[in-house]
């Protein structure tokens, strides 16, 4: 079993996965050195504060930093375990951008020593752990597979529940060889209460991509139903609720599109690797990517009914009750409305204090002053809205929140 007191962990990337992971490990008795490329992020963490919103993360970071078990810097340090938790966006025509992983691996390579374990947690295309992380370390002179061990363990957490799910969820661990798998499994067993499932790196990579592609395909089905119901004059949320009364039917809820750093990105990694086979996955991505444009067209049609419409937008985040705007369909929609100058735009996003592009107002002011009210995110602050309060307002509810 891993001796936490004598183990040092270096976590590269202190964002939505890296910082919760680093602070959790710090409170579990490990000595943790976090690495980020942004000085303000490093300074904030070293003050025991946070730069992202996640329930109870502020308490965990304060505790980990206060105990001396967590500190942050701009450069890696020697450690027993290195965890890479950097972004994996796409570039161009939905091709995976692996430059962050390459850079992170190159940065830790001078600090890796015999006996070390290097774990890639970033969601990655099949082959990344073997062909990028392990190869870069081997090219740097390390005896990968002999005395330096490399594995992939994808994060499987839900924003808003990260701290709980880091511990409670089952984890998939896949090494580049059996020794690497065993080393990584031993490490995760030291703090994960869920089951730790062992496989190889390529299978672990595809399993994570498959999880998000599965969700994307099912969301696309719901979004396509919303288009059909709108054309047929049917309430899609009522229809889905009725259909789901069948014991073997479980349709998800439609929305304005799909955002975030996982579901809107990861399926493209499968499409890029197997373009001839991934037809359903590609089509689902197309349906979900096109949904924001459909919402904007609904706004256009409503705006034509007014001389000078005031368009109120509720929510910018990619999902409810988070401050994360990455890939947000709500943000895309609001930007498009502004670009087309469809009316005077007023915006509420209760989970952030300011935004570079939009002057944020209270959601109550947005509701009171809007001619057209566009509900884009079902934040808890909006749950008290009733149709009876919006009699003079044209409502476009993309979340089915207002009955």
Protein backbone atom coordinates (compact mmCIF):
# COMPACT_ATOMS: atom_id res chain seq x y z
CA UNK A 1 0.00 0.00 0.00
CA UNK A 2 1.18 3.54 -0.81
CA UNK A 3 2.75 5.44 2.12
CA UNK A 4 1.09 8.82 1.74
CA UNK A 5 3.35 10.63 4.22
CA UNK A 6 6.49 9.82 2.22
CA UNK A 7 4.94 10.31 -1.21
CA UNK A 8 5.27 13.55 -3.18
CA UNK A 9 2.85 14.25 -6.03
CA UNK A 10 3.40 16.77 -8.83
CA UNK A 11 0.13 17.81 -10.50
CA UNK A 12 0.57 19.66 -13.80
CA UNK A 13 -2.44 21.84 -14.66
CA UNK A 14 -4.47 23.45 -11.87
CA UNK A 15 -7.81 23.85 -13.57
CA UNK A 16 -11.18 22.21 -13.02
CA UNK A 17 -9.63 18.74 -12.57
CA UNK A 18 -6.06 19.44 -11.48
CA UNK A 19 -6.82 21.76 -8.57
CA UNK A 20 -9.50 19.54 -6.96
CA UNK A 21 -7.19 16.54 -7.40
CA UNK A 22 -4.18 18.35 -5.94
CA UNK A 23 -6.10 19.71 -2.96
CA UNK A 24 -7.79 16.36 -2.27
CA UNK A 25 -4.44 14.58 -2.27
CA UNK A 26 -3.03 17.27 0.02
CA UNK A 27 -5.75 16.65 2.58
CA UNK A 28 -5.16 12.88 2.32
CA UNK A 29 -1.59 13.23 3.60
CA UNK A 30 0.38 13.46 0.36
CA UNK A 31 2.84 16.29 -0.24
CA UNK A 32 1.62 17.99 -3.41
CA UNK A 33 3.32 20.44 -5.74
CA UNK A 34 0.91 21.95 -8.25
CA UNK A 35 2.08 23.46 -11.54
CA UNK A 36 0.31 26.04 -13.66
CA UNK A 37 1.46 28.38 -16.42
CA UNK A 38 -0.45 31.38 -15.05
CA UNK A 39 1.19 33.38 -12.26
CA UNK A 40 -2.11 34.70 -10.91
CA UNK A 41 -3.42 31.13 -10.53
CA UNK A 42 -0.28 30.11 -8.66
CA UNK A 43 -0.48 33.14 -6.37
CA UNK A 44 -4.18 32.62 -5.66
CA UNK A 45 -3.69 28.98 -4.67
CA UNK A 46 -0.67 29.73 -2.49
CA UNK A 47 -2.88 32.19 -0.60
CA UNK A 48 -5.28 29.31 0.10
CA UNK A 49 -7.86 30.66 -2.33
CA UNK A 50 -9.44 29.43 -5.57
CA UNK A 51 -9.81 30.79 -9.11
CA UNK A 52 -12.68 28.51 -10.16
CA UNK A 53 -16.12 27.75 -8.71
CA UNK A 54 -16.77 24.28 -7.33
CA UNK A 55 -18.75 23.45 -4.17
CA UNK A 56 -16.49 23.13 -1.11
CA UNK A 57 -13.30 23.49 -3.15
CA UNK A 58 -12.42 26.69 -1.29
CA UNK A 59 -12.48 24.81 2.02
CA UNK A 60 -10.37 21.96 0.65
CA UNK A 61 -7.73 24.24 -0.89
CA UNK A 62 -7.51 26.35 2.27
CA UNK A 63 -7.03 23.19 4.34
CA UNK A 64 -4.45 21.65 2.02
CA UNK A 65 -2.42 24.86 1.74
CA UNK A 66 -2.75 25.63 5.44
CA UNK A 67 -1.41 22.21 6.37
CA UNK A 68 1.65 22.76 4.21
CA UNK A 69 0.76 19.79 2.02
CA UNK A 70 -0.10 21.84 -1.08
CA UNK A 71 1.80 24.59 -2.76
CA UNK A 72 1.87 25.80 -6.35
CA UNK A 73 4.56 27.00 -8.74
CA UNK A 74 5.28 27.71 -12.38
CA UNK A 75 7.75 24.85 -12.80
CA UNK A 76 7.61 21.13 -11.95
CA UNK A 77 9.66 19.59 -9.15
CA UNK A 78 10.94 16.09 -8.48
CA UNK A 79 8.20 13.81 -7.20
CA UNK A 80 7.18 10.17 -6.86
CA UNK A 81 4.03 10.52 -8.93
CA UNK A 82 3.36 13.00 -11.75
CA UNK A 83 -0.25 13.68 -12.76
CA UNK A 84 -0.90 15.48 -16.04
CA UNK A 85 -4.27 17.26 -15.98
CA UNK A 86 -3.98 19.68 -18.87
CA UNK A 87 -6.55 20.63 -21.54
CA UNK A 88 -7.12 18.57 -24.68
CA UNK A 89 -9.18 20.82 -26.99
CA UNK A 90 -9.51 20.37 -30.74
CA UNK A 91 -8.14 22.51 -33.53
CA UNK A 92 -9.02 23.15 -37.16
CA UNK A 93 -11.63 20.74 -38.46
CA UNK A 94 -12.16 19.03 -35.10
CA UNK A 95 -8.69 17.53 -34.93
CA UNK A 96 -7.34 16.85 -31.41
CA UNK A 97 -4.84 19.41 -30.13
CA UNK A 98 -2.33 17.45 -28.06
CA UNK A 99 0.17 20.28 -27.68
CA UNK A 100 -0.68 20.79 -23.99
CA UNK A 101 0.07 17.13 -23.23
CA UNK A 102 3.29 17.28 -25.23
CA UNK A 103 4.39 20.44 -23.41
CA UNK A 104 3.50 19.05 -19.97
CA UNK A 105 5.42 15.82 -20.63
CA UNK A 106 8.46 17.69 -21.91
CA UNK A 107 8.39 19.91 -18.82
CA UNK A 108 8.36 17.04 -16.33
CA UNK A 109 10.89 14.89 -18.22
CA UNK A 110 13.97 16.49 -16.57
CA UNK A 111 12.49 15.86 -13.12
CA UNK A 112 11.44 12.23 -13.60
CA UNK A 113 13.68 9.66 -11.92
CA UNK A 114 13.73 5.85 -11.61
CA UNK A 115 10.75 4.47 -9.71
CA UNK A 116 8.43 7.30 -10.71
CA UNK A 117 4.86 6.90 -11.93
CA UNK A 118 3.54 9.27 -14.61
CA UNK A 119 -0.25 9.40 -15.01
CA UNK A 120 -2.13 11.11 -17.81
CA UNK A 121 -5.58 12.12 -16.56
CA UNK A 122 -6.42 14.38 -19.51
CA UNK A 123 -9.07 12.92 -21.81
CA UNK A 124 -7.10 11.83 -24.85
CA UNK A 125 -7.36 10.14 -28.25
CA UNK A 126 -6.46 6.47 -28.39
CA UNK A 127 -2.69 6.02 -28.37
CA UNK A 128 -1.78 9.29 -26.62
CA UNK A 129 -0.39 7.65 -23.49
CA UNK A 130 1.81 5.26 -25.48
CA UNK A 131 2.75 7.42 -28.45
CA UNK A 132 3.19 10.81 -26.80
CA UNK A 133 3.71 10.59 -23.04
CA UNK A 134 5.71 7.35 -22.94
CA UNK A 135 7.59 8.16 -26.15
CA UNK A 136 8.66 11.65 -24.98
CA UNK A 137 9.90 10.20 -21.70
CA UNK A 138 11.75 7.41 -23.51
CA UNK A 139 13.31 9.87 -25.95
CA UNK A 140 14.49 11.86 -22.90
CA UNK A 141 16.47 8.83 -21.78
CA UNK A 142 14.10 7.26 -19.26
CA UNK A 143 13.71 3.48 -19.12
CA UNK A 144 9.96 3.52 -19.61
CA UNK A 145 8.36 0.25 -18.58
CA UNK A 146 11.45 -0.80 -16.63
CA UNK A 147 11.88 1.78 -13.89
CA UNK A 148 9.59 4.61 -15.03
CA UNK A 149 5.92 3.68 -15.22
CA UNK A 150 3.27 5.36 -17.37
CA UNK A 151 -0.52 5.00 -17.23
CA UNK A 152 -3.77 6.66 -18.21
CA UNK A 153 -6.56 7.25 -15.70
CA UNK A 154 -9.23 9.51 -17.19
CA UNK A 155 -11.22 11.79 -14.92
CA UNK A 156 -14.89 10.81 -14.68
CA UNK A 157 -16.38 13.61 -12.60
CA UNK A 158 -19.34 15.93 -12.95
CA UNK A 159 -18.81 19.68 -12.40
CA UNK A 160 -20.62 20.60 -9.22
CA UNK A 161 -19.84 17.18 -7.70
CA UNK A 162 -16.12 16.91 -8.42
CA UNK A 163 -14.89 16.51 -4.85
CA UNK A 164 -17.37 13.74 -4.12
CA UNK A 165 -16.90 11.90 -7.39
CA UNK A 166 -13.08 12.02 -7.31
CA UNK A 167 -13.35 9.66 -4.35
CA UNK A 168 -16.62 7.79 -4.85
CA UNK A 169 -16.60 7.04 -8.59
CA UNK A 170 -15.06 3.92 -10.08
CA UNK A 171 -11.80 4.67 -11.89
CA UNK A 172 -10.40 3.09 -15.03
CA UNK A 173 -6.62 2.64 -14.97
CA UNK A 174 -4.68 1.54 -18.02
CA UNK A 175 -0.90 1.30 -18.14
CA UNK A 176 1.40 1.01 -21.11
CA UNK A 177 2.36 -2.36 -19.63
CA UNK A 178 1.31 -4.58 -16.73
CA UNK A 179 3.83 -3.09 -14.28
CA UNK A 180 2.60 0.42 -15.03
CA UNK A 181 -1.00 -0.63 -14.58
CA UNK A 182 -0.24 -2.27 -11.23
CA UNK A 183 1.65 0.81 -9.97
CA UNK A 184 -1.17 3.15 -10.96
CA UNK A 185 -3.87 0.91 -9.49
CA UNK A 186 -1.98 0.85 -6.18
CA UNK A 187 -1.82 4.65 -6.16
CA UNK A 188 -5.53 5.20 -6.81
CA UNK A 189 -6.53 2.56 -4.26
CA UNK A 190 -4.88 4.76 -1.61
CA UNK A 191 -7.63 7.41 -1.86
CA UNK A 192 -10.46 6.18 -4.13
CA UNK A 193 -13.41 4.44 -2.47
CA UNK A 194 -14.95 3.39 -5.77
CA UNK A 195 -13.69 0.33 -7.60
CA UNK A 196 -10.39 0.73 -9.46
CA UNK A 197 -10.65 -1.14 -12.74
CA UNK A 198 -7.47 -2.20 -14.53
CA UNK A 199 -6.96 -2.45 -18.29
CA UNK A 200 -4.43 -1.18 -20.84
CA UNK A 201 -3.89 2.46 -21.79
CA UNK A 202 -5.58 2.32 -25.21
CA UNK A 203 -8.73 0.72 -23.79
CA UNK A 204 -8.86 3.25 -20.95
CA UNK A 205 -8.56 6.10 -23.45
CA UNK A 206 -11.39 4.80 -25.64
CA UNK A 207 -13.58 3.96 -22.63
CA UNK A 208 -13.57 7.61 -21.55
CA UNK A 209 -14.28 8.85 -25.08
CA UNK A 210 -17.08 6.30 -25.35
CA UNK A 211 -18.71 7.49 -22.12
CA UNK A 212 -19.00 11.03 -23.46
CA UNK A 213 -19.97 9.95 -26.98
CA UNK A 214 -22.77 7.84 -25.50
CA UNK A 215 -24.13 10.87 -23.68
CA UNK A 216 -23.72 13.06 -26.76
CA UNK A 217 -25.68 10.65 -28.97
CA UNK A 218 -28.50 10.48 -26.44
CA UNK A 219 -28.62 14.26 -26.03
CA UNK A 220 -28.71 14.58 -29.82
CA UNK A 221 -31.75 12.30 -29.89
CA UNK A 222 -33.52 14.57 -27.40
CA UNK A 223 -32.48 17.70 -29.28
CA UNK A 224 -33.71 16.24 -32.57
CA UNK A 225 -37.03 15.41 -30.91
CA UNK A 226 -37.28 19.05 -29.80
CA UNK A 227 -36.97 20.19 -33.43
CA UNK A 228 -39.64 17.73 -34.53
CA UNK A 229 -41.98 18.71 -31.69
CA UNK A 230 -41.56 22.39 -32.46
CA UNK A 231 -42.46 21.77 -36.09
CA UNK A 232 -45.48 19.68 -35.04
CA UNK A 233 -46.70 22.07 -32.32
CA UNK A 234 -46.05 19.61 -29.49
CA UNK A 235 -44.56 20.32 -26.06
CA UNK A 236 -41.36 18.28 -26.18
CA UNK A 237 -40.94 18.09 -22.40
CA UNK A 238 -44.44 16.73 -21.88
CA UNK A 239 -43.97 14.25 -24.71
CA UNK A 240 -40.65 12.97 -23.33
CA UNK A 241 -42.12 12.70 -19.84
CA UNK A 242 -44.90 10.50 -21.21
CA UNK A 243 -42.58 8.40 -23.38
CA UNK A 244 -40.31 7.81 -20.39
CA UNK A 245 -43.15 6.10 -18.56
CA UNK A 246 -42.28 3.07 -20.68
CA UNK A 247 -40.17 0.79 -18.46
CA UNK A 248 -37.35 0.51 -21.02
CA UNK A 249 -37.26 4.11 -22.28
CA UNK A 250 -35.12 6.83 -20.70
CA UNK A 251 -34.89 9.85 -23.01
CA UNK A 252 -32.72 12.74 -21.83
CA UNK A 253 -33.82 16.38 -21.82
CA UNK A 254 -33.19 18.69 -24.79
CA UNK A 255 -31.43 22.02 -24.47
CA UNK A 256 -29.81 24.81 -26.48
CA UNK A 257 -26.87 22.63 -27.46
CA UNK A 258 -24.00 20.81 -25.77
CA UNK A 259 -21.02 22.54 -24.19
CA UNK A 260 -18.26 22.04 -21.69
CA UNK A 261 -14.81 20.55 -22.05
CA UNK A 262 -15.87 16.91 -22.52
CA UNK A 263 -19.09 15.98 -24.29
CA UNK A 264 -18.78 18.63 -27.01
CA UNK A 265 -15.13 17.72 -27.68
CA UNK A 266 -14.35 14.08 -26.94
CA UNK A 267 -16.58 12.43 -29.59
CA UNK A 268 -14.59 14.25 -32.27
CA UNK A 269 -11.50 12.32 -31.11
CA UNK A 270 -13.26 9.11 -32.07
CA UNK A 271 -14.40 10.57 -35.40
CA UNK A 272 -10.87 11.78 -36.18
CA UNK A 273 -9.42 8.32 -35.50
CA UNK A 274 -12.12 6.31 -37.32
CA UNK A 275 -13.88 8.64 -39.79
CA UNK A 276 -15.34 5.84 -41.90
CA UNK A 277 -16.85 3.99 -38.95
CA UNK A 278 -18.03 6.78 -36.62
CA UNK A 279 -21.08 7.84 -38.63
CA UNK A 280 -23.62 7.97 -35.79
CA UNK A 281 -21.19 9.74 -33.49
CA UNK A 282 -20.45 12.37 -36.16
CA UNK A 283 -24.15 12.94 -36.85
CA UNK A 284 -24.90 13.39 -33.15
CA UNK A 285 -22.16 16.02 -32.93
CA UNK A 286 -23.67 17.81 -35.95
CA UNK A 287 -27.17 17.82 -34.43
CA UNK A 288 -25.90 19.23 -31.13
CA UNK A 289 -23.57 21.75 -32.78
CA UNK A 290 -26.45 23.09 -34.89
CA UNK A 291 -28.92 23.48 -32.01
CA UNK A 292 -27.66 26.96 -30.94
CA UNK A 293 -28.32 28.28 -34.46
CA UNK A 294 -31.88 27.00 -34.22
CA UNK A 295 -32.32 28.89 -30.94
CA UNK A 296 -30.98 32.10 -32.51
CA UNK A 297 -33.51 31.73 -35.33
CA UNK A 298 -36.30 31.56 -32.72
CA UNK A 299 -34.99 34.84 -31.28
CA UNK A 300 -34.85 36.42 -34.75
CA UNK A 301 -38.45 35.48 -35.41
CA UNK A 302 -39.60 36.93 -32.08
CA UNK A 303 -37.54 40.10 -32.49
CA UNK A 304 -39.33 40.94 -35.74
CA UNK A 305 -42.50 41.54 -33.74
CA UNK A 306 -40.95 44.54 -31.95
CA UNK A 307 -39.54 47.85 -33.14
CA UNK A 308 -36.80 47.95 -30.50
CA UNK A 309 -36.86 44.67 -28.59
CA UNK A 310 -35.09 44.17 -25.29
CA UNK A 311 -33.74 40.62 -25.27
CA UNK A 312 -33.05 39.19 -21.83
CA UNK A 313 -30.75 36.17 -21.61
CA UNK A 314 -30.64 34.01 -18.50
CA UNK A 315 -27.39 32.08 -18.15
CA UNK A 316 -24.02 31.91 -19.92
CA UNK A 317 -22.49 28.77 -18.37
CA UNK A 318 -22.45 25.46 -20.22
CA UNK A 319 -24.59 23.77 -17.55
CA UNK A 320 -26.53 24.54 -14.41
CA UNK A 321 -24.96 25.90 -11.23
CA UNK A 322 -21.35 26.22 -12.45
CA UNK A 323 -19.23 29.17 -13.59
CA UNK A 324 -17.66 27.24 -16.46
CA UNK A 325 -18.18 28.92 -19.84
CA UNK A 326 -15.98 26.60 -21.91
CA UNK A 327 -17.74 25.65 -25.13
CA UNK A 328 -21.02 26.97 -23.77
CA UNK A 329 -23.90 26.97 -26.28
CA UNK A 330 -25.54 29.71 -24.18
CA UNK A 331 -22.51 31.95 -24.65
CA UNK A 332 -22.46 31.20 -28.39
CA UNK A 333 -26.13 32.14 -28.66
CA UNK A 334 -25.75 35.41 -26.76
CA UNK A 335 -22.72 36.38 -28.84
CA UNK A 336 -24.66 35.68 -32.03
CA UNK A 337 -27.59 37.82 -30.86
CA UNK A 338 -25.17 40.66 -30.11
CA UNK A 339 -23.35 40.28 -33.41
CA UNK A 340 -26.59 40.43 -35.39
CA UNK A 341 -27.86 43.35 -33.28
CA UNK A 342 -31.27 41.72 -32.94
CA UNK A 343 -32.17 44.06 -30.05
CA UNK A 344 -30.94 45.58 -26.84
CA UNK A 345 -29.21 42.77 -24.97
CA UNK A 346 -29.36 42.29 -21.19
CA UNK A 347 -27.68 39.30 -19.56
CA UNK A 348 -27.73 37.53 -16.19
CA UNK A 349 -25.23 34.90 -15.08
CA UNK A 350 -25.41 34.50 -11.29
CA UNK A 351 -22.32 32.29 -11.04
CA UNK A 352 -19.79 34.86 -12.26
CA UNK A 353 -19.19 38.43 -11.09
CA UNK A 354 -18.24 39.96 -14.44
CA UNK A 355 -17.70 39.20 -18.12
CA UNK A 356 -15.42 40.82 -20.67
CA UNK A 357 -18.09 41.07 -23.38
CA UNK A 358 -21.37 41.62 -21.54
CA UNK A 359 -22.43 43.83 -18.66
CA UNK A 360 -24.11 41.45 -16.27
CA UNK A 361 -27.33 42.36 -14.47
CA UNK A 362 -29.32 40.65 -11.76
CA UNK A 363 -31.64 38.02 -13.12
CA UNK A 364 -34.60 39.87 -11.61
CA UNK A 365 -33.71 43.03 -13.56
CA UNK A 366 -33.41 40.98 -16.73
CA UNK A 367 -36.84 39.45 -16.18
CA UNK A 368 -38.45 42.80 -15.36
CA UNK A 369 -37.04 44.65 -18.39
CA UNK A 370 -37.09 42.06 -21.18
CA UNK A 371 -39.53 41.97 -24.08
CA UNK A 372 -38.11 38.61 -25.11
CA UNK A 373 -36.83 36.34 -22.35
CA UNK A 374 -34.41 33.62 -23.41
CA UNK A 375 -33.80 30.99 -20.72
CA UNK A 376 -30.55 29.26 -21.63
CA UNK A 377 -29.31 27.62 -18.41
CA UNK A 378 -31.43 26.08 -15.65
CA UNK A 379 -29.50 27.58 -12.73
CA UNK A 380 -31.16 27.08 -9.35
CA UNK A 381 -31.73 30.84 -9.11
CA UNK A 382 -34.15 30.60 -12.03
CA UNK A 383 -36.24 27.72 -10.67
CA UNK A 384 -38.82 29.98 -9.07
CA UNK A 385 -39.89 31.51 -12.37
CA UNK A 386 -43.53 30.99 -13.31
CA UNK A 387 -45.33 31.54 -16.56
CA UNK A 388 -47.86 33.71 -14.73
CA UNK A 389 -45.05 36.18 -13.93
CA UNK A 390 -44.18 36.54 -17.61
CA UNK A 391 -47.52 37.42 -19.21
CA UNK A 392 -46.20 40.38 -21.17
CA UNK A 393 -42.98 38.66 -22.20
CA UNK A 394 -42.19 36.45 -25.19
CA UNK A 395 -40.60 33.41 -23.54
CA UNK A 396 -38.10 31.14 -25.27
CA UNK A 397 -37.36 28.43 -22.73
CA UNK A 398 -34.64 26.11 -24.01
CA UNK A 399 -34.57 24.06 -20.81
CA UNK A 400 -38.26 23.37 -20.15
CA UNK A 401 -37.92 25.00 -16.75
CA UNK A 402 -41.00 27.19 -16.80
CA UNK A 403 -44.22 25.24 -16.81
